[in-house]
Amino acid sequence: MNLIESVTNRGFKVIEFIDRYDRRCNIQKSSLGTEDAIWFGIEAAEPKILASKVMKGGTGWVDYLIHEDVVITTRMHLTVNQVRALLPILQKFVDTGKL
């Protein structure tokens, strides 16, 4: 996996990568002032709808436009304790391929 490290315009470290479905993802240090946290997930939602729902005879999935005033959260905001709780689960997956 190719990891690309950078810094936000506010000085927070970001590590970018591509997931199994070629989606842009990242881990970013949070600016939260009360405790250490990270943002972790995909960069953009890229909503889709079944083509048959929007066009006669349509097949597969097509882009679904969302109104510009709508926000869709795509990243988890995780504290150190939340990441710590997830690590054994992720390590087991690495070791065995199972949850």
PDB file of N, CA and C in Angstrom:
ATOM      1  N   MET A   1       0.855  -1.175   0.000  1.00  0.00           N
ATOM      2  CA  MET A   1       0.000   0.000   0.000  1.00  0.00           C
ATOM      3  C   MET A   1       0.897   1.232   0.000  1.00  0.00           C
ATOM      4  N   ASN A   2       0.574   2.155  -0.866  1.00  0.00           N
ATOM      5  CA  ASN A   2       1.321   3.397  -0.973  1.00  0.00           C
ATOM      6  C   ASN A   2       0.723   4.430  -0.015  1.00  0.00           C
ATOM      7  N   LEU A   3       1.497   4.845   0.986  1.00  0.00           N
ATOM      8  CA  LEU A   3       1.053   5.847   1.954  1.00  0.00           C
ATOM      9  C   LEU A   3       1.708   7.180   1.624  1.00  0.00           C
ATOM     10  N   ILE A   4       0.898   8.210   1.525  1.00  0.00           N
ATOM     11  CA  ILE A   4       1.408   9.541   1.206  1.00  0.00           C
ATOM     12  C   ILE A   4       1.179  10.445   2.412  1.00  0.00           C
ATOM     13  N   GLU A   5       2.278  10.939   2.979  1.00  0.00           N
ATOM     14  CA  GLU A   5       2.188  11.800   4.152  1.00  0.00           C
ATOM     15  C   GLU A   5       2.244  13.264   3.746  1.00  0.00           C
ATOM     16  N   SER A   6       1.404  14.073   4.395  1.00  0.00           N
ATOM     17  CA  SER A   6       1.411  15.517   4.172  1.00  0.00           C
ATOM     18  C   SER A   6       0.936  16.197   5.445  1.00  0.00           C
ATOM     19  N   VAL A   7       0.763  17.506   5.361  1.00  0.00           N
ATOM     20  CA  VAL A   7       0.311  18.299   6.500  1.00  0.00           C
ATOM     21  C   VAL A   7      -0.799  19.222   6.008  1.00  0.00           C
ATOM     22  N   THR A   8      -1.851  19.378   6.818  1.00  0.00           N
ATOM     23  CA  THR A   8      -2.932  20.288   6.456  1.00  0.00           C
ATOM     24  C   THR A   8      -2.441  21.726   6.525  1.00  0.00           C
ATOM     25  N   ASN A   9      -3.251  22.651   6.013  1.00  0.00           N
ATOM     26  CA  ASN A   9      -2.851  24.062   6.066  1.00  0.00           C
ATOM     27  C   ASN A   9      -2.814  24.589   7.496  1.00  0.00           C
ATOM     28  N   ARG A  10      -3.366  23.817   8.448  1.00  0.00           N
ATOM     29  CA  ARG A  10      -3.312  24.190   9.866  1.00  0.00           C
ATOM     30  C   ARG A  10      -2.240  23.422  10.617  1.00  0.00           C
ATOM     31  N   GLY A  11      -1.438  22.633   9.881  1.00  0.00           N
ATOM     32  CA  GLY A  11      -0.294  21.961  10.475  1.00  0.00           C
ATOM     33  C   GLY A  11      -0.546  20.573  11.040  1.00  0.00           C
ATOM     34  N   PHE A  12      -1.673  19.944  10.705  1.00  0.00           N
ATOM     35  CA  PHE A  12      -1.975  18.611  11.214  1.00  0.00           C
ATOM     36  C   PHE A  12      -1.577  17.553  10.189  1.00  0.00           C
ATOM     37  N   LYS A  13      -0.898  16.504  10.660  1.00  0.00           N
ATOM     38  CA  LYS A  13      -0.411  15.451   9.781  1.00  0.00           C
ATOM     39  C   LYS A  13      -1.569  14.658   9.176  1.00  0.00           C
ATOM     40  N   VAL A  14      -1.420  14.317   7.889  1.00  0.00           N
ATOM     41  CA  VAL A  14      -2.388  13.507   7.152  1.00  0.00           C
ATOM     42  C   VAL A  14      -1.630  12.391   6.440  1.00  0.00           C
ATOM     43  N   ILE A  15      -2.154  11.181   6.505  1.00  0.00           N
ATOM     44  CA  ILE A  15      -1.613  10.053   5.751  1.00  0.00           C
ATOM     45  C   ILE A  15      -2.715   9.584   4.808  1.00  0.00           C
ATOM     46  N   GLU A  16      -2.446   9.663   3.505  1.00  0.00           N
ATOM     47  CA  GLU A  16      -3.434   9.296   2.485  1.00  0.00           C
ATOM     48  C   GLU A  16      -3.085   7.939   1.884  1.00  0.00           C
ATOM     49  N   PHE A  17      -4.134   7.202   1.483  1.00  0.00           N
ATOM     50  CA  PHE A  17      -3.945   5.907   0.831  1.00  0.00           C
ATOM     51  C   PHE A  17      -5.187   5.581   0.013  1.00  0.00           C
ATOM     52  N   ILE A  18      -5.094   4.528  -0.782  1.00  0.00           N
ATOM     53  CA  ILE A  18      -6.203   4.072  -1.634  1.00  0.00           C
ATOM     54  C   ILE A  18      -6.687   2.730  -1.097  1.00  0.00           C
ATOM     55  N   ASP A  19      -8.013   2.553  -0.961  1.00  0.00           N
ATOM     56  CA  ASP A  19      -8.544   1.300  -0.429  1.00  0.00           C
ATOM     57  C   ASP A  19      -8.747   0.261  -1.535  1.00  0.00           C
ATOM     58  N   ARG A  20      -9.318  -0.862  -1.187  1.00  0.00           N
ATOM     59  CA  ARG A  20      -9.522  -1.994  -2.097  1.00  0.00           C
ATOM     60  C   ARG A  20     -10.369  -1.630  -3.311  1.00  0.00           C
ATOM     61  N   TYR A  21     -11.265  -0.634  -3.162  1.00  0.00           N
ATOM     62  CA  TYR A  21     -12.126  -0.208  -4.261  1.00  0.00           C
ATOM     63  C   TYR A  21     -11.636   1.077  -4.917  1.00  0.00           C
ATOM     64  N   ASP A  22     -10.341   1.358  -4.776  1.00  0.00           N
ATOM     65  CA  ASP A  22      -9.709   2.549  -5.365  1.00  0.00           C
ATOM     66  C   ASP A  22     -10.326   3.848  -4.872  1.00  0.00           C
ATOM     67  N   ARG A  23     -10.779   3.864  -3.625  1.00  0.00           N
ATOM     68  CA  ARG A  23     -11.329   5.070  -3.003  1.00  0.00           C
ATOM     69  C   ARG A  23     -10.231   5.766  -2.222  1.00  0.00           C
ATOM     70  N   ARG A  24     -10.178   7.078  -2.317  1.00  0.00           N
ATOM     71  CA  ARG A  24      -9.192   7.863  -1.572  1.00  0.00           C
ATOM     72  C   ARG A  24      -9.580   7.898  -0.098  1.00  0.00           C
ATOM     73  N   CYS A  25      -8.652   7.520   0.764  1.00  0.00           N
ATOM     74  CA  CYS A  25      -8.877   7.470   2.203  1.00  0.00           C
ATOM     75  C   CYS A  25      -7.750   8.212   2.902  1.00  0.00           C
ATOM     76  N   ASN A  26      -7.972   8.528   4.191  1.00  0.00           N
ATOM     77  CA  ASN A  26      -6.903   9.138   4.950  1.00  0.00           C
ATOM     78  C   ASN A  26      -7.089   8.968   6.445  1.00  0.00           C
ATOM     79  N   ILE A  27      -5.984   9.151   7.143  1.00  0.00           N
ATOM     80  CA  ILE A  27      -5.948   9.269   8.594  1.00  0.00           C
ATOM     81  C   ILE A  27      -5.363  10.642   8.862  1.00  0.00           C
ATOM     82  N   GLN A  28      -6.042  11.433   9.659  1.00  0.00           N
ATOM     83  CA  GLN A  28      -5.583  12.799   9.936  1.00  0.00           C
ATOM     84  C   GLN A  28      -5.626  13.070  11.430  1.00  0.00           C
ATOM     85  N   LYS A  29      -4.596  13.693  11.944  1.00  0.00           N
ATOM     86  CA  LYS A  29      -4.589  14.130  13.338  1.00  0.00           C
ATOM     87  C   LYS A  29      -5.672  15.181  13.504  1.00  0.00           C
ATOM     88  N   SER A  30      -6.489  15.013  14.543  1.00  0.00           N
ATOM     89  CA  SER A  30      -7.595  15.930  14.803  1.00  0.00           C
ATOM     90  C   SER A  30      -7.103  17.208  15.478  1.00  0.00           C
ATOM     91  N   SER A  31      -7.837  18.277  15.260  1.00  0.00           N
ATOM     92  CA  SER A  31      -7.538  19.548  15.928  1.00  0.00           C
ATOM     93  C   SER A  31      -8.257  19.661  17.271  1.00  0.00           C
ATOM     94  N   LEU A  32      -8.952  18.608  17.673  1.00  0.00           N
ATOM     95  CA  LEU A  32      -9.683  18.609  18.940  1.00  0.00           C
ATOM     96  C   LEU A  32      -8.761  19.036  20.078  1.00  0.00           C
ATOM     97  N   GLY A  33      -9.154  20.050  20.815  1.00  0.00           N
ATOM     98  CA  GLY A  33      -8.298  20.603  21.857  1.00  0.00           C
ATOM     99  C   GLY A  33      -8.408  19.926  23.203  1.00  0.00           C
ATOM    100  N   THR A  34      -9.443  19.101  23.410  1.00  0.00           N
ATOM    101  CA  THR A  34      -9.671  18.512  24.727  1.00  0.00           C
ATOM    102  C   THR A  34      -9.023  17.146  24.917  1.00  0.00           C
ATOM    103  N   GLU A  35      -8.713  16.440  23.833  1.00  0.00           N
ATOM    104  CA  GLU A  35      -8.029  15.145  23.916  1.00  0.00           C
ATOM    105  C   GLU A  35      -7.475  14.791  22.538  1.00  0.00           C
ATOM    106  N   ASP A  36      -6.503  13.865  22.514  1.00  0.00           N
ATOM    107  CA  ASP A  36      -5.944  13.421  21.241  1.00  0.00           C
ATOM    108  C   ASP A  36      -6.975  12.584  20.491  1.00  0.00           C
ATOM    109  N   ALA A  37      -7.064  12.821  19.192  1.00  0.00           N
ATOM    110  CA  ALA A  37      -8.002  12.084  18.347  1.00  0.00           C
ATOM    111  C   ALA A  37      -7.511  12.118  16.910  1.00  0.00           C
ATOM    112  N   ILE A  38      -8.074  11.249  16.103  1.00  0.00           N
ATOM    113  CA  ILE A  38      -7.790  11.212  14.668  1.00  0.00           C
ATOM    114  C   ILE A  38      -9.095  11.160  13.895  1.00  0.00           C
ATOM    115  N   TRP A  39      -9.022  11.593  12.647  1.00  0.00           N
ATOM    116  CA  TRP A  39     -10.078  11.371  11.653  1.00  0.00           C
ATOM    117  C   TRP A  39      -9.599  10.208  10.805  1.00  0.00           C
ATOM    118  N   PHE A  40     -10.492   9.271  10.464  1.00  0.00           N
ATOM    119  CA  PHE A  40     -10.094   8.065   9.740  1.00  0.00           C
ATOM    120  C   PHE A  40     -11.238   7.622   8.833  1.00  0.00           C
ATOM    121  N   GLY A  41     -11.002   7.535   7.530  1.00  0.00           N
ATOM    122  CA  GLY A  41     -12.037   7.061   6.625  1.00  0.00           C
ATOM    123  C   GLY A  41     -11.825   7.512   5.196  1.00  0.00           C
ATOM    124  N   ILE A  42     -12.893   7.413   4.408  1.00  0.00           N
ATOM    125  CA  ILE A  42     -12.827   7.825   3.012  1.00  0.00           C
ATOM    126  C   ILE A  42     -12.962   9.342   2.919  1.00  0.00           C
ATOM    127  N   GLU A  43     -12.428   9.928   1.853  1.00  0.00           N
ATOM    128  CA  GLU A  43     -12.467  11.380   1.677  1.00  0.00           C
ATOM    129  C   GLU A  43     -13.826  11.892   1.245  1.00  0.00           C
ATOM    130  N   ALA A  44     -14.517  11.153   0.388  1.00  0.00           N
ATOM    131  CA  ALA A  44     -15.782  11.639  -0.163  1.00  0.00           C
ATOM    132  C   ALA A  44     -16.781  10.493  -0.248  1.00  0.00           C
ATOM    133  N   ALA A  45     -18.051  10.808  -0.037  1.00  0.00           N
ATOM    134  CA  ALA A  45     -19.093   9.780   0.000  1.00  0.00           C
ATOM    135  C   ALA A  45     -19.347   9.143  -1.366  1.00  0.00           C
ATOM    136  N   GLU A  46     -19.322   9.904  -2.443  1.00  0.00           N
ATOM    137  CA  GLU A  46     -19.608   9.400  -3.786  1.00  0.00           C
ATOM    138  C   GLU A  46     -20.893   8.575  -3.817  1.00  0.00           C
ATOM    139  N   PRO A  47     -22.049   9.161  -3.438  1.00  0.00           N
ATOM    140  CA  PRO A  47     -23.297   8.400  -3.396  1.00  0.00           C
ATOM    141  C   PRO A  47     -23.712   7.885  -4.774  1.00  0.00           C
ATOM    142  N   LYS A  48     -24.295   6.709  -4.771  1.00  0.00           N
ATOM    143  CA  LYS A  48     -24.767   6.054  -5.994  1.00  0.00           C
ATOM    144  C   LYS A  48     -26.217   5.629  -5.798  1.00  0.00           C
ATOM    145  N   ILE A  49     -26.923   5.423  -6.907  1.00  0.00           N
ATOM    146  CA  ILE A  49     -28.292   4.915  -6.897  1.00  0.00           C
ATOM    147  C   ILE A  49     -28.412   3.902  -8.028  1.00  0.00           C
ATOM    148  N   LEU A  50     -29.286   2.911  -7.843  1.00  0.00           N
ATOM    149  CA  LEU A  50     -29.515   1.953  -8.922  1.00  0.00           C
ATOM    150  C   LEU A  50     -30.047   2.690 -10.144  1.00  0.00           C
ATOM    151  N   ALA A  51     -29.432   2.463 -11.274  1.00  0.00           N
ATOM    152  CA  ALA A  51     -29.831   3.147 -12.510  1.00  0.00           C
ATOM    153  C   ALA A  51     -31.295   2.910 -12.835  1.00  0.00           C
ATOM    154  N   SER A  52     -31.810   1.731 -12.502  1.00  0.00           N
ATOM    155  CA  SER A  52     -33.207   1.414 -12.790  1.00  0.00           C
ATOM    156  C   SER A  52     -34.177   2.303 -12.018  1.00  0.00           C
ATOM    157  N   LYS A  53     -33.718   2.946 -10.971  1.00  0.00           N
ATOM    158  CA  LYS A  53     -34.569   3.847 -10.187  1.00  0.00           C
ATOM    159  C   LYS A  53     -34.683   5.229 -10.815  1.00  0.00           C
ATOM    160  N   VAL A  54     -33.760   5.568 -11.720  1.00  0.00           N
ATOM    161  CA  VAL A  54     -33.752   6.920 -12.285  1.00  0.00           C
ATOM    162  C   VAL A  54     -33.860   6.964 -13.803  1.00  0.00           C
ATOM    163  N   MET A  55     -33.768   5.798 -14.466  1.00  0.00           N
ATOM    164  CA  MET A  55     -33.910   5.786 -15.927  1.00  0.00           C
ATOM    165  C   MET A  55     -34.488   4.450 -16.378  1.00  0.00           C
ATOM    166  N   LYS A  56     -35.391   4.517 -17.311  1.00  0.00           N
ATOM    167  CA  LYS A  56     -36.020   3.299 -17.819  1.00  0.00           C
ATOM    168  C   LYS A  56     -34.952   2.411 -18.468  1.00  0.00           C
ATOM    169  N   GLY A  57     -34.940   1.139 -18.061  1.00  0.00           N
ATOM    170  CA  GLY A  57     -33.988   0.186 -18.625  1.00  0.00           C
ATOM    171  C   GLY A  57     -32.572   0.340 -18.091  1.00  0.00           C
ATOM    172  N   GLY A  58     -32.370   1.236 -17.121  1.00  0.00           N
ATOM    173  CA  GLY A  58     -31.043   1.447 -16.575  1.00  0.00           C
ATOM    174  C   GLY A  58     -30.552   0.250 -15.779  1.00  0.00           C
ATOM    175  N   THR A  59     -29.250  -0.023 -15.869  1.00  0.00           N
ATOM    176  CA  THR A  59     -28.651  -1.115 -15.104  1.00  0.00           C
ATOM    177  C   THR A  59     -27.412  -0.611 -14.381  1.00  0.00           C
ATOM    178  N   GLY A  60     -27.095  -1.274 -13.295  1.00  0.00           N
ATOM    179  CA  GLY A  60     -25.907  -0.919 -12.532  1.00  0.00           C
ATOM    180  C   GLY A  60     -26.161   0.280 -11.616  1.00  0.00           C
ATOM    181  N   TRP A  61     -25.080   0.874 -11.188  1.00  0.00           N
ATOM    182  CA  TRP A  61     -25.120   2.021 -10.270  1.00  0.00           C
ATOM    183  C   TRP A  61     -24.677   3.275 -10.985  1.00  0.00           C
ATOM    184  N   VAL A  62     -25.337   4.396 -10.711  1.00  0.00           N
ATOM    185  CA  VAL A  62     -24.959   5.691 -11.282  1.00  0.00           C
ATOM    186  C   VAL A  62     -24.813   6.701 -10.151  1.00  0.00           C
ATOM    187  N   ASP A  63     -24.073   7.764 -10.417  1.00  0.00           N
ATOM    188  CA  ASP A  63     -23.886   8.810  -9.415  1.00  0.00           C
ATOM    189  C   ASP A  63     -25.228   9.392  -8.996  1.00  0.00           C
ATOM    190  N   TYR A  64     -25.341   9.718  -7.728  1.00  0.00           N
ATOM    191  CA  TYR A  64     -26.549  10.320  -7.182  1.00  0.00           C
ATOM    192  C   TYR A  64     -26.178  11.675  -6.609  1.00  0.00           C
ATOM    193  N   LEU A  65     -26.698  12.729  -7.217  1.00  0.00           N
ATOM    194  CA  LEU A  65     -26.351  14.079  -6.782  1.00  0.00           C
ATOM    195  C   LEU A  65     -27.060  14.425  -5.475  1.00  0.00           C
ATOM    196  N   ILE A  66     -26.292  14.942  -4.545  1.00  0.00           N
ATOM    197  CA  ILE A  66     -26.813  15.372  -3.245  1.00  0.00           C
ATOM    198  C   ILE A  66     -26.798  16.903  -3.237  1.00  0.00           C
ATOM    199  N   HIS A  67     -27.834  17.496  -2.684  1.00  0.00           N
ATOM    200  CA  HIS A  67     -27.911  18.954  -2.618  1.00  0.00           C
ATOM    201  C   HIS A  67     -26.677  19.516  -1.908  1.00  0.00           C
ATOM    202  N   GLU A  68     -26.169  20.633  -2.392  1.00  0.00           N
ATOM    203  CA  GLU A  68     -24.936  21.225  -1.856  1.00  0.00           C
ATOM    204  C   GLU A  68     -25.037  21.613  -0.385  1.00  0.00           C
ATOM    205  N   ASP A  69     -26.241  21.768   0.148  1.00  0.00           N
ATOM    206  CA  ASP A  69     -26.421  22.114   1.562  1.00  0.00           C
ATOM    207  C   ASP A  69     -26.391  20.885   2.473  1.00  0.00           C
ATOM    208  N   VAL A  70     -26.291  19.693   1.887  1.00  0.00           N
ATOM    209  CA  VAL A  70     -26.272  18.455   2.671  1.00  0.00           C
ATOM    210  C   VAL A  70     -24.828  18.039   2.919  1.00  0.00           C
ATOM    211  N   VAL A  71     -24.538  17.665   4.161  1.00  0.00           N
ATOM    212  CA  VAL A  71     -23.216  17.155   4.522  1.00  0.00           C
ATOM    213  C   VAL A  71     -23.354  15.673   4.847  1.00  0.00           C
ATOM    214  N   ILE A  72     -22.474  14.868   4.279  1.00  0.00           N
ATOM    215  CA  ILE A  72     -22.434  13.442   4.590  1.00  0.00           C
ATOM    216  C   ILE A  72     -21.073  13.166   5.225  1.00  0.00           C
ATOM    217  N   THR A  73     -21.087  12.727   6.475  1.00  0.00           N
ATOM    218  CA  THR A  73     -19.845  12.436   7.182  1.00  0.00           C
ATOM    219  C   THR A  73     -19.273  11.124   6.669  1.00  0.00           C
ATOM    220  N   THR A  74     -18.009  11.144   6.288  1.00  0.00           N
ATOM    221  CA  THR A  74     -17.378   9.956   5.723  1.00  0.00           C
ATOM    222  C   THR A  74     -16.229   9.426   6.576  1.00  0.00           C
ATOM    223  N   ARG A  75     -15.861  10.167   7.607  1.00  0.00           N
ATOM    224  CA  ARG A  75     -14.729   9.735   8.429  1.00  0.00           C
ATOM    225  C   ARG A  75     -15.141   9.599   9.893  1.00  0.00           C
ATOM    226  N   MET A  76     -14.554   8.619  10.560  1.00  0.00           N
ATOM    227  CA  MET A  76     -14.762   8.424  11.987  1.00  0.00           C
ATOM    228  C   MET A  76     -13.859   9.393  12.747  1.00  0.00           C
ATOM    229  N   HIS A  77     -14.328   9.904  13.865  1.00  0.00           N
ATOM    230  CA  HIS A  77     -13.529  10.758  14.745  1.00  0.00           C
ATOM    231  C   HIS A  77     -13.240   9.921  15.984  1.00  0.00           C
ATOM    232  N   LEU A  78     -12.027   9.391  16.084  1.00  0.00           N
ATOM    233  CA  LEU A  78     -11.683   8.410  17.103  1.00  0.00           C
ATOM    234  C   LEU A  78     -10.695   8.961  18.114  1.00  0.00           C
ATOM    235  N   THR A  79     -10.955   8.689  19.396  1.00  0.00           N
ATOM    236  CA  THR A  79     -10.023   9.050  20.462  1.00  0.00           C
ATOM    237  C   THR A  79      -8.958   7.960  20.601  1.00  0.00           C
ATOM    238  N   VAL A  80      -7.938   8.238  21.383  1.00  0.00           N
ATOM    239  CA  VAL A  80      -6.887   7.250  21.641  1.00  0.00           C
ATOM    240  C   VAL A  80      -7.498   5.981  22.241  1.00  0.00           C
ATOM    241  N   ASN A  81      -8.395   6.122  23.205  1.00  0.00           N
ATOM    242  CA  ASN A  81      -9.005   4.945  23.833  1.00  0.00           C
ATOM    243  C   ASN A  81      -9.846   4.139  22.845  1.00  0.00           C
ATOM    244  N   GLN A  82     -10.522   4.806  21.923  1.00  0.00           N
ATOM    245  CA  GLN A  82     -11.305   4.086  20.920  1.00  0.00           C
ATOM    246  C   GLN A  82     -10.398   3.313  19.975  1.00  0.00           C
ATOM    247  N   VAL A  83      -9.294   3.922  19.556  1.00  0.00           N
ATOM    248  CA  VAL A  83      -8.333   3.225  18.693  1.00  0.00           C
ATOM    249  C   VAL A  83      -7.724   2.054  19.446  1.00  0.00           C
ATOM    250  N   ARG A  84      -7.374   2.250  20.709  1.00  0.00           N
ATOM    251  CA  ARG A  84      -6.807   1.176  21.537  1.00  0.00           C
ATOM    252  C   ARG A  84      -7.768  -0.020  21.597  1.00  0.00           C
ATOM    253  N   ALA A  85      -9.065   0.247  21.737  1.00  0.00           N
ATOM    254  CA  ALA A  85     -10.051  -0.831  21.802  1.00  0.00           C
ATOM    255  C   ALA A  85     -10.167  -1.576  20.468  1.00  0.00           C
ATOM    256  N   LEU A  86      -9.924  -0.883  19.357  1.00  0.00           N
ATOM    257  CA  LEU A  86     -10.015  -1.504  18.031  1.00  0.00           C
ATOM    258  C   LEU A  86      -8.761  -2.295  17.651  1.00  0.00           C
ATOM    259  N   LEU A  87      -7.630  -1.959  18.218  1.00  0.00           N
ATOM    260  CA  LEU A  87      -6.369  -2.596  17.822  1.00  0.00           C
ATOM    261  C   LEU A  87      -6.373  -4.117  17.941  1.00  0.00           C
ATOM    262  N   PRO A  88      -6.868  -4.714  19.030  1.00  0.00           N
ATOM    263  CA  PRO A  88      -6.881  -6.184  19.079  1.00  0.00           C
ATOM    264  C   PRO A  88      -7.735  -6.813  17.972  1.00  0.00           C
ATOM    265  N   ILE A  89      -8.822  -6.167  17.632  1.00  0.00           N
ATOM    266  CA  ILE A  89      -9.677  -6.670  16.565  1.00  0.00           C
ATOM    267  C   ILE A  89      -8.942  -6.614  15.236  1.00  0.00           C
ATOM    268  N   LEU A  90      -8.295  -5.494  14.970  1.00  0.00           N
ATOM    269  CA  LEU A  90      -7.543  -5.340  13.721  1.00  0.00           C
ATOM    270  C   LEU A  90      -6.355  -6.291  13.675  1.00  0.00           C
ATOM    271  N   GLN A  91      -5.663  -6.471  14.805  1.00  0.00           N
ATOM    272  CA  GLN A  91      -4.514  -7.379  14.839  1.00  0.00           C
ATOM    273  C   GLN A  91      -4.961  -8.815  14.583  1.00  0.00           C
ATOM    274  N   LYS A  92      -6.093  -9.222  15.160  1.00  0.00           N
ATOM    275  CA  LYS A  92      -6.604 -10.567  14.908  1.00  0.00           C
ATOM    276  C   LYS A  92      -6.919 -10.749  13.424  1.00  0.00           C
ATOM    277  N   PHE A  93      -7.482  -9.713  12.802  1.00  0.00           N
ATOM    278  CA  PHE A  93      -7.775  -9.783  11.370  1.00  0.00           C
ATOM    279  C   PHE A  93      -6.484  -9.935  10.559  1.00  0.00           C
ATOM    280  N   VAL A  94      -5.457  -9.168  10.922  1.00  0.00           N
ATOM    281  CA  VAL A  94      -4.158  -9.269  10.248  1.00  0.00           C
ATOM    282  C   VAL A  94      -3.594 -10.675  10.374  1.00  0.00           C
ATOM    283  N   ASP A  95      -3.699 -11.238  11.574  1.00  0.00           N
ATOM    284  CA  ASP A  95      -3.108 -12.552  11.840  1.00  0.00           C
ATOM    285  C   ASP A  95      -3.903 -13.704  11.257  1.00  0.00           C
ATOM    286  N   THR A  96      -5.255 -13.570  11.216  1.00  0.00           N
ATOM    287  CA  THR A  96      -6.082 -14.737  10.864  1.00  0.00           C
ATOM    288  C   THR A  96      -7.029 -14.508   9.697  1.00  0.00           C
ATOM    289  N   GLY A  97      -7.250 -13.227   9.311  1.00  0.00           N
ATOM    290  CA  GLY A  97      -8.236 -12.932   8.283  1.00  0.00           C
ATOM    291  C   GLY A  97      -9.653 -12.973   8.806  1.00  0.00           C
ATOM    292  N   LYS A  98      -9.812 -13.102  10.129  1.00  0.00           N
ATOM    293  CA  LYS A  98     -11.131 -13.196  10.757  1.00  0.00           C
ATOM    294  C   LYS A  98     -11.277 -12.087  11.782  1.00  0.00           C
ATOM    295  N   LEU A  99     -12.536 -11.776  12.131  1.00  0.00           N
ATOM    296  CA  LEU A  99     -12.789 -10.780  13.168  1.00  0.00           C
ATOM    297  C   LEU A  99     -12.852 -11.396  14.540  1.00  0.00           C
TER     298      LEU A  99
END
